[in-house]
């Protein structure tokens, strides 16, 4: 248990350092840092338990929305906020459609996390949102080929937790494209 705590702290520290280096000392850094801090336990929980607890996701969404609203007001520029809201709706809507079409392959937690991912990446650009979701999908696809990672659901299908893939894809897209 102690080793996993230190690993989580190390991962959080590395993520926030990379974001600080890439984004710089701008207002977005506070939002991205809170996203990264909550991303680590969300990824671990989804990886081990195949669930994304709302008790972590809703504060992540709320803080991001409030942070971006404050940035829109202080900068007197609503454009990035409107784009972020549209990206939130697009990503959540797309994942809701996938959840319906896959009959349980995508869970409600993934739909909620897609909303957070859309908001956080949409602030930067549509390209950042697209790259984050494409990276997440490619990572999940790669993980399906690793037998030690893959588990089976009750129908015998390969089950990969998609939350860690979305979170890592989002952080990578922000680190590479954001700023």
Protein backbone atom coordinates (compact mmCIF):
# COMPACT_ATOMS: atom_id res chain seq x y z
CA UNK A 1 0.00 0.00 0.00
CA UNK A 2 2.83 2.40 0.88
CA UNK A 3 4.61 1.67 -2.40
CA UNK A 4 1.48 2.50 -4.40
CA UNK A 5 1.05 5.75 -2.49
CA UNK A 6 4.58 6.82 -3.38
CA UNK A 7 4.11 5.78 -7.00
CA UNK A 8 0.92 7.84 -7.22
CA UNK A 9 2.66 10.83 -5.66
CA UNK A 10 5.58 10.47 -8.06
CA UNK A 11 3.23 10.21 -11.08
CA UNK A 12 1.32 13.29 -9.92
CA UNK A 13 4.54 15.23 -9.42
CA UNK A 14 5.87 14.31 -12.85
CA UNK A 15 2.57 15.19 -14.54
CA UNK A 16 2.31 18.57 -12.85
CA UNK A 17 5.98 19.35 -13.60
CA UNK A 18 5.50 18.56 -17.30
CA UNK A 19 2.34 20.67 -17.43
CA UNK A 20 4.07 23.55 -15.64
CA UNK A 21 6.96 23.39 -18.07
CA UNK A 22 4.71 23.19 -21.14
CA UNK A 23 1.87 25.57 -20.18
CA UNK A 24 3.88 28.07 -18.17
CA UNK A 25 2.56 30.32 -15.44
CA UNK A 26 -0.79 31.07 -17.02
CA UNK A 27 -4.26 30.68 -15.55
CA UNK A 28 -4.82 27.44 -17.44
CA UNK A 29 -2.09 25.81 -15.38
CA UNK A 30 -4.30 25.79 -12.25
CA UNK A 31 -7.09 23.98 -14.11
CA UNK A 32 -4.73 21.50 -15.76
CA UNK A 33 -2.96 20.84 -12.46
CA UNK A 34 -6.18 19.97 -10.64
CA UNK A 35 -7.13 17.78 -13.61
CA UNK A 36 -3.78 15.96 -13.33
CA UNK A 37 -3.98 15.60 -9.55
CA UNK A 38 -7.39 13.92 -9.78
CA UNK A 39 -6.44 11.96 -12.92
CA UNK A 40 -3.97 9.77 -11.04
CA UNK A 41 -6.42 8.27 -8.50
CA UNK A 42 -9.13 8.06 -11.18
CA UNK A 43 -6.80 6.06 -13.43
CA UNK A 44 -5.74 3.75 -10.61
CA UNK A 45 -9.32 3.12 -9.49
CA UNK A 46 -10.55 2.45 -13.02
CA UNK A 47 -7.56 0.22 -13.72
CA UNK A 48 -8.12 -1.90 -10.62
CA UNK A 49 -11.90 -1.76 -10.18
CA UNK A 50 -13.26 -0.87 -13.65
CA UNK A 51 -15.19 2.11 -12.34
CA UNK A 52 -14.76 5.88 -12.32
CA UNK A 53 -16.12 7.28 -9.05
CA UNK A 54 -18.25 10.39 -9.33
CA UNK A 55 -16.83 11.66 -6.04
CA UNK A 56 -13.62 12.43 -7.95
CA UNK A 57 -14.99 13.17 -11.42
CA UNK A 58 -17.62 15.75 -10.51
CA UNK A 59 -15.18 17.96 -8.59
CA UNK A 60 -12.77 17.63 -11.51
CA UNK A 61 -15.49 18.80 -13.90
CA UNK A 62 -16.73 21.56 -11.58
CA UNK A 63 -13.28 22.97 -10.86
CA UNK A 64 -12.39 22.94 -14.56
CA UNK A 65 -15.63 24.69 -15.53
CA UNK A 66 -15.32 27.31 -12.79
CA UNK A 67 -11.65 27.88 -13.58
CA UNK A 68 -12.36 28.39 -17.27
CA UNK A 69 -15.31 30.69 -16.52
CA UNK A 70 -13.03 32.83 -14.35
CA UNK A 71 -10.45 32.92 -17.15
CA UNK A 72 -13.10 33.96 -19.68
CA UNK A 73 -14.28 36.77 -17.40
CA UNK A 74 -10.82 38.05 -16.44
CA UNK A 75 -9.58 37.94 -20.02
CA UNK A 76 -12.86 39.32 -21.40
CA UNK A 77 -12.78 36.58 -24.04
CA UNK A 78 -15.58 34.00 -24.05
CA UNK A 79 -14.40 32.18 -27.20
CA UNK A 80 -12.26 29.48 -25.54
CA UNK A 81 -15.00 28.87 -22.97
CA UNK A 82 -17.65 28.44 -25.63
CA UNK A 83 -15.38 26.07 -27.58
CA UNK A 84 -14.68 24.11 -24.36
CA UNK A 85 -18.41 23.81 -23.66
CA UNK A 86 -19.06 22.64 -27.23
CA UNK A 87 -16.20 20.11 -26.96
CA UNK A 88 -17.68 18.87 -23.67
CA UNK A 89 -21.04 18.31 -25.33
CA UNK A 90 -19.49 16.72 -28.43
CA UNK A 91 -17.24 14.31 -26.50
CA UNK A 92 -19.93 13.33 -23.99
CA UNK A 93 -22.51 12.95 -26.76
CA UNK A 94 -20.16 10.79 -28.82
CA UNK A 95 -19.39 8.55 -25.85
CA UNK A 96 -23.07 8.33 -24.94
CA UNK A 97 -23.76 7.16 -28.48
CA UNK A 98 -20.93 4.61 -28.18
CA UNK A 99 -22.35 3.42 -24.84
CA UNK A 100 -25.73 2.85 -26.44
CA UNK A 101 -24.30 1.13 -29.51
CA UNK A 102 -21.91 -1.14 -27.59
CA UNK A 103 -24.49 -2.24 -25.03
CA UNK A 104 -22.24 -1.79 -22.04
CA UNK A 105 -18.80 -1.71 -23.64
CA UNK A 106 -18.58 1.95 -22.65
CA UNK A 107 -19.88 2.75 -19.17
CA UNK A 108 -21.52 5.81 -17.65
CA UNK A 109 -18.21 6.71 -16.01
CA UNK A 110 -16.54 6.82 -19.42
CA UNK A 111 -19.30 9.12 -20.71
CA UNK A 112 -18.83 11.45 -17.74
CA UNK A 113 -15.06 11.39 -18.11
CA UNK A 114 -15.41 12.19 -21.82
CA UNK A 115 -17.29 15.34 -20.79
CA UNK A 116 -14.37 16.37 -18.55
CA UNK A 117 -11.87 15.53 -21.29
CA UNK A 118 -13.86 17.56 -23.82
CA UNK A 119 -13.99 20.56 -21.51
CA UNK A 120 -10.32 20.50 -20.58
CA UNK A 121 -8.99 19.90 -24.09
CA UNK A 122 -11.60 22.03 -25.83
CA UNK A 123 -10.31 25.08 -24.00
CA UNK A 124 -7.12 24.80 -26.03
CA UNK A 125 -8.49 23.75 -29.43
CA UNK A 126 -10.61 21.23 -31.31
CA UNK A 127 -7.37 19.61 -32.45
CA UNK A 128 -6.33 19.00 -28.85
CA UNK A 129 -9.68 17.33 -28.17
CA UNK A 130 -9.37 15.13 -31.25
CA UNK A 131 -5.76 14.18 -30.47
CA UNK A 132 -6.64 13.33 -26.86
CA UNK A 133 -9.45 10.98 -27.90
CA UNK A 134 -7.43 9.42 -30.72
CA UNK A 135 -4.46 8.82 -28.39
CA UNK A 136 -6.82 7.28 -25.83
CA UNK A 137 -8.28 4.94 -28.45
CA UNK A 138 -4.86 3.93 -29.78
CA UNK A 139 -3.61 3.26 -26.25
CA UNK A 140 -6.66 1.12 -25.46
CA UNK A 141 -6.20 -0.74 -28.74
CA UNK A 142 -2.55 -1.40 -27.90
CA UNK A 143 -3.50 -2.64 -24.43
CA UNK A 144 -5.88 -5.23 -25.89
CA UNK A 145 -2.86 -7.02 -27.31
CA UNK A 146 -1.21 -7.42 -23.88
CA UNK A 147 -2.58 -10.61 -22.31
CA UNK A 148 -1.53 -9.63 -18.76
CA UNK A 149 -3.54 -6.41 -18.99
CA UNK A 150 -6.63 -7.71 -20.70
CA UNK A 151 -9.43 -9.19 -18.65
CA UNK A 152 -12.74 -10.65 -19.74
CA UNK A 153 -16.22 -9.33 -19.03
CA UNK A 154 -19.21 -11.51 -18.24
CA UNK A 155 -19.81 -12.08 -21.98
CA UNK A 156 -16.23 -13.22 -22.54
CA UNK A 157 -15.18 -10.05 -24.38
CA UNK A 158 -11.82 -8.39 -23.74
CA UNK A 159 -12.25 -5.64 -21.15
CA UNK A 160 -9.79 -2.77 -20.96
CA UNK A 161 -10.45 0.12 -18.57
CA UNK A 162 -10.78 3.13 -20.87
CA UNK A 163 -10.51 5.81 -18.17
CA UNK A 164 -6.72 5.59 -17.78
CA UNK A 165 -6.37 5.72 -21.56
CA UNK A 166 -8.54 8.86 -21.77
CA UNK A 167 -6.71 10.54 -18.92
CA UNK A 168 -3.27 9.76 -20.31
CA UNK A 169 -4.34 10.79 -23.82
CA UNK A 170 -5.67 14.08 -22.46
CA UNK A 171 -2.55 14.89 -20.49
CA UNK A 172 -0.33 13.98 -23.44
CA UNK A 173 -2.38 16.12 -25.84
CA UNK A 174 -2.25 19.10 -23.47
CA UNK A 175 1.49 18.64 -22.94
CA UNK A 176 2.23 18.40 -26.66
CA UNK A 177 -0.35 20.76 -28.19
CA UNK A 178 -1.48 22.93 -25.30
CA UNK A 179 0.04 26.23 -24.50
